[in-house]
């Protein structure tokens, strides 16, 4: 199994093909995904690249992290595992633990 990398600071015009091209100079790219907004379809400025080996991933991190790509500074590091979130929707809600609704009654 490969090593998944987080890539931040991407230009909004970047495509998955261009991302693959950028990282393939450092090893075999198994997959490249640019994350886009669900409503507008526009890039959110970050993505994920999966390299075929840990050594290739480390080479890409050392070479590309902090470099300029089409006028933007890239952030490249190992992706953290996705955290499972509850699907309750909405905001934090509630009163943040204040039993009296935030008013000082004393």
Protein backbone atom coordinates (compact mmCIF):
# COMPACT_ATOMS: atom_id res chain seq x y z
CA UNK A 1 0.00 0.00 0.00
CA UNK A 2 1.24 3.49 -0.84
CA UNK A 3 1.67 6.60 1.23
CA UNK A 4 -0.99 9.29 1.03
CA UNK A 5 0.13 12.92 1.00
CA UNK A 6 -1.81 16.09 1.74
CA UNK A 7 -1.10 18.92 -0.70
CA UNK A 8 -2.25 22.40 0.34
CA UNK A 9 -1.88 25.78 -1.29
CA UNK A 10 -2.86 24.55 -4.74
CA UNK A 11 -3.89 27.07 -7.36
CA UNK A 12 -7.65 26.92 -7.92
CA UNK A 13 -7.06 26.13 -11.59
CA UNK A 14 -4.97 22.99 -11.00
CA UNK A 15 -6.26 19.69 -12.40
CA UNK A 16 -5.67 16.15 -11.19
CA UNK A 17 -3.58 15.54 -14.30
CA UNK A 18 -1.32 18.49 -13.51
CA UNK A 19 -0.99 17.32 -9.89
CA UNK A 20 0.00 13.83 -11.08
CA UNK A 21 2.55 15.38 -13.43
CA UNK A 22 4.08 17.47 -10.62
CA UNK A 23 4.49 14.51 -8.26
CA UNK A 24 5.49 11.89 -10.84
CA UNK A 25 8.93 13.53 -11.04
CA UNK A 26 9.52 12.05 -7.56
CA UNK A 27 8.13 8.54 -8.07
CA UNK A 28 5.10 6.55 -9.10
CA UNK A 29 1.78 8.28 -8.42
CA UNK A 30 -1.02 5.82 -7.67
CA UNK A 31 -3.71 8.50 -7.48
CA UNK A 32 -4.17 12.26 -7.35
CA UNK A 33 -7.35 14.01 -6.21
CA UNK A 34 -8.11 17.71 -6.15
CA UNK A 35 -10.84 18.45 -3.61
CA UNK A 36 -13.64 20.62 -4.94
CA UNK A 37 -16.62 22.39 -3.39
CA UNK A 38 -19.78 20.27 -3.60
CA UNK A 39 -22.00 23.21 -4.52
CA UNK A 40 -19.88 25.15 -6.99
CA UNK A 41 -17.47 22.48 -8.24
CA UNK A 42 -14.55 24.91 -7.82
CA UNK A 43 -11.30 23.64 -6.35
CA UNK A 44 -10.90 24.24 -2.61
CA UNK A 45 -7.12 24.70 -2.99
CA UNK A 46 -5.98 21.36 -1.63
CA UNK A 47 -5.81 17.72 -2.61
CA UNK A 48 -4.29 14.32 -1.95
CA UNK A 49 -1.64 12.33 -3.79
CA UNK A 50 -0.91 8.68 -3.15
CA UNK A 51 2.65 7.61 -3.90
CA UNK A 52 3.53 3.95 -4.42
CA UNK A 53 6.22 3.84 -1.71
CA UNK A 54 7.14 5.62 1.49
CA UNK A 55 10.58 6.55 0.14
CA UNK A 56 9.05 8.25 -2.91
CA UNK A 57 6.57 10.08 -0.69
CA UNK A 58 9.37 11.36 1.57
CA UNK A 59 11.34 12.53 -1.48
CA UNK A 60 8.28 14.44 -2.74
CA UNK A 61 7.71 16.03 0.68
CA UNK A 62 11.34 17.16 1.00
CA UNK A 63 11.46 18.52 -2.53
CA UNK A 64 8.03 20.15 -2.90
CA UNK A 65 7.06 21.37 0.57
CA UNK A 66 7.38 25.16 0.72
CA UNK A 67 8.07 25.58 -3.00
CA UNK A 68 6.17 27.89 -5.34
CA UNK A 69 3.74 26.32 -7.82
CA UNK A 70 1.97 28.64 -10.25
CA UNK A 71 2.39 31.54 -7.84
CA UNK A 72 1.29 29.75 -4.65
CA UNK A 73 3.34 28.22 -1.86
CA UNK A 74 2.74 24.47 -1.50
CA UNK A 75 2.32 22.61 1.77
CA UNK A 76 3.12 18.92 1.36
CA UNK A 77 3.05 16.41 4.22
CA UNK A 78 1.75 12.97 5.09
CA UNK A 79 -2.03 12.92 5.19
CA UNK A 80 -3.63 12.29 8.55
CA UNK A 81 -6.30 9.60 8.80
CA UNK A 82 -9.79 10.93 8.18
CA UNK A 83 -11.72 11.46 11.42
CA UNK A 84 -15.22 10.04 11.50
CA UNK A 85 -17.70 12.83 12.09
CA UNK A 86 -21.28 12.58 13.27
CA UNK A 87 -23.86 13.39 10.62
CA UNK A 88 -26.07 15.54 12.79
CA UNK A 89 -25.60 18.67 10.69
CA UNK A 90 -26.03 22.18 11.97
CA UNK A 91 -23.70 24.03 14.26
CA UNK A 92 -22.48 23.41 17.75
CA UNK A 93 -25.78 24.55 19.18
CA UNK A 94 -26.53 24.59 22.85
CA UNK A 95 -25.38 27.07 25.40
CA UNK A 96 -21.82 25.88 25.83
CA UNK A 97 -22.40 24.44 29.27
CA UNK A 98 -23.99 27.50 30.89
CA UNK A 99 -27.01 26.24 32.80
CA UNK A 100 -28.46 29.68 33.18
CA UNK A 101 -28.19 30.63 29.53
CA UNK A 102 -25.11 32.79 30.05
CA UNK A 103 -26.75 35.31 32.35
CA UNK A 104 -25.28 36.03 35.72
CA UNK A 105 -28.20 35.86 38.10
CA UNK A 106 -26.22 36.54 41.26
